[in-house]
Amino acid sequence: MERKTLGLFLMLLIVLAAEEMVMRSEAKTCEVPSGKFSGGCIGTNGNQQCDKVCRRLDGLLSGRCKGLKCFCTKVC
């Protein structure tokens, strides 16, 4: 019985260690101009609209205004 418990404990430890290693690696991201954003990128409302368009219409991670243009963040 003790061998089963020890084996189960070791398997759990290996799985948790592997999961921790995967969580630490981060994907590189880059920004591209939105292909679907129209209108001005002005104020907080512009940033919110840009983010919504990038997520919903462009299908990317997020969006933010730079000057008057909307840029979307994607995995490179």
C-alpha atoms as a PDB file:
ATOM      1  CA  MET A   1       0.000   0.000   0.000  1.00  0.00           C
ATOM      2  CA  GLU A   2       2.848   2.396   0.826  1.00  0.00           C
ATOM      3  CA  ARG A   3       4.429   1.836  -2.601  1.00  0.00           C
ATOM      4  CA  LYS A   4       1.192   2.855  -4.327  1.00  0.00           C
ATOM      5  CA  THR A   5       0.951   6.000  -2.229  1.00  0.00           C
ATOM      6  CA  LEU A   6       4.603   6.869  -2.881  1.00  0.00           C
ATOM      7  CA  GLY A   7       4.160   6.253  -6.631  1.00  0.00           C
ATOM      8  CA  LEU A   8       1.038   8.411  -6.745  1.00  0.00           C
ATOM      9  CA  PHE A   9       2.808  11.168  -4.838  1.00  0.00           C
ATOM     10  CA  LEU A  10       5.766  11.106  -7.248  1.00  0.00           C
ATOM     11  CA  MET A  11       3.480  11.231 -10.303  1.00  0.00           C
ATOM     12  CA  LEU A  12       1.614  14.197  -8.830  1.00  0.00           C
ATOM     13  CA  LEU A  13       4.908  15.960  -8.112  1.00  0.00           C
ATOM     14  CA  ILE A  14       6.085  15.427 -11.714  1.00  0.00           C
ATOM     15  CA  VAL A  15       2.818  16.748 -13.154  1.00  0.00           C
ATOM     16  CA  LEU A  16       2.904  19.854 -10.948  1.00  0.00           C
ATOM     17  CA  ALA A  17       6.548  20.541 -11.806  1.00  0.00           C
ATOM     18  CA  ALA A  18       5.835  20.216 -15.530  1.00  0.00           C
ATOM     19  CA  GLU A  19       2.836  22.544 -15.258  1.00  0.00           C
ATOM     20  CA  GLU A  20       4.953  25.161 -13.473  1.00  0.00           C
ATOM     21  CA  MET A  21       7.529  25.058 -16.263  1.00  0.00           C
ATOM     22  CA  VAL A  22       4.866  25.557 -18.932  1.00  0.00           C
ATOM     23  CA  MET A  23       3.274  28.487 -17.097  1.00  0.00           C
ATOM     24  CA  ARG A  24       6.578  30.380 -16.966  1.00  0.00           C
ATOM     25  CA  SER A  25       7.134  30.460 -20.704  1.00  0.00           C
ATOM     26  CA  GLU A  26       5.454  33.405 -22.372  1.00  0.00           C
ATOM     27  CA  ALA A  27       4.693  33.891 -26.026  1.00  0.00           C
ATOM     28  CA  LYS A  28       6.204  36.880 -27.791  1.00  0.00           C
ATOM     29  CA  THR A  29       3.732  39.506 -28.881  1.00  0.00           C
ATOM     30  CA  CYS A  30       3.871  42.267 -31.457  1.00  0.00           C
ATOM     31  CA  GLU A  31       1.571  45.065 -32.563  1.00  0.00           C
ATOM     32  CA  VAL A  32      -0.045  45.471 -35.972  1.00  0.00           C
ATOM     33  CA  PRO A  33      -2.429  48.166 -37.241  1.00  0.00           C
ATOM     34  CA  SER A  34      -6.081  47.155 -36.975  1.00  0.00           C
ATOM     35  CA  GLY A  35      -7.651  46.251 -40.281  1.00  0.00           C
ATOM     36  CA  LYS A  36     -11.217  46.856 -39.090  1.00  0.00           C
ATOM     37  CA  PHE A  37     -11.038  49.947 -36.840  1.00  0.00           C
ATOM     38  CA  SER A  38     -12.638  53.047 -38.297  1.00  0.00           C
ATOM     39  CA  GLY A  39     -12.931  56.481 -36.798  1.00  0.00           C
ATOM     40  CA  GLY A  40     -10.617  58.466 -34.610  1.00  0.00           C
ATOM     41  CA  CYS A  41      -8.615  57.068 -31.771  1.00  0.00           C
ATOM     42  CA  ILE A  42      -9.382  59.862 -29.325  1.00  0.00           C
ATOM     43  CA  GLY A  43      -9.465  59.703 -25.519  1.00  0.00           C
ATOM     44  CA  THR A  44     -10.379  56.768 -23.296  1.00  0.00           C
ATOM     45  CA  ASN A  45     -13.404  55.909 -25.381  1.00  0.00           C
ATOM     46  CA  GLY A  46     -11.145  55.557 -28.421  1.00  0.00           C
ATOM     47  CA  ASN A  47      -8.896  53.139 -26.528  1.00  0.00           C
ATOM     48  CA  GLN A  48     -11.892  51.075 -25.430  1.00  0.00           C
ATOM     49  CA  GLN A  49     -13.302  50.958 -28.956  1.00  0.00           C
ATOM     50  CA  CYS A  50      -9.904  50.023 -30.368  1.00  0.00           C
ATOM     51  CA  ASP A  51      -9.583  47.173 -27.854  1.00  0.00           C
ATOM     52  CA  LYS A  52     -13.085  45.882 -28.656  1.00  0.00           C
ATOM     53  CA  VAL A  53     -12.479  45.959 -32.405  1.00  0.00           C
ATOM     54  CA  CYS A  54      -9.138  44.168 -32.079  1.00  0.00           C
ATOM     55  CA  ARG A  55     -10.620  41.439 -29.891  1.00  0.00           C
ATOM     56  CA  ARG A  56     -13.971  40.904 -31.612  1.00  0.00           C
ATOM     57  CA  LEU A  57     -13.490  41.800 -35.263  1.00  0.00           C
ATOM     58  CA  ASP A  58      -9.770  41.264 -35.838  1.00  0.00           C
ATOM     59  CA  GLY A  59      -9.694  38.215 -33.517  1.00  0.00           C
ATOM     60  CA  LEU A  60      -6.502  39.322 -31.776  1.00  0.00           C
ATOM     61  CA  LEU A  61      -5.401  39.623 -28.135  1.00  0.00           C
ATOM     62  CA  SER A  62      -6.002  43.318 -27.396  1.00  0.00           C
ATOM     63  CA  GLY A  63      -5.769  46.806 -28.832  1.00  0.00           C
ATOM     64  CA  ARG A  64      -4.692  50.310 -27.918  1.00  0.00           C
ATOM     65  CA  CYS A  65      -4.385  53.688 -29.554  1.00  0.00           C
ATOM     66  CA  LYS A  66      -1.085  55.154 -30.625  1.00  0.00           C
ATOM     67  CA  GLY A  67      -1.651  58.652 -31.861  1.00  0.00           C
ATOM     68  CA  LEU A  68      -4.790  58.495 -33.976  1.00  0.00           C
ATOM     69  CA  LYS A  69      -4.284  54.871 -35.104  1.00  0.00           C
ATOM     70  CA  CYS A  70      -5.502  51.670 -33.499  1.00  0.00           C
ATOM     71  CA  PHE A  71      -2.896  48.923 -33.034  1.00  0.00           C
ATOM     72  CA  CYS A  72      -3.743  45.330 -32.139  1.00  0.00           C
ATOM     73  CA  THR A  73      -1.556  42.986 -30.105  1.00  0.00           C
ATOM     74  CA  LYS A  74      -1.053  39.483 -31.506  1.00  0.00           C
ATOM     75  CA  VAL A  75       1.168  36.478 -30.872  1.00  0.00           C
ATOM     76  CA  CYS A  76       4.161  36.665 -33.226  1.00  0.00           C
END
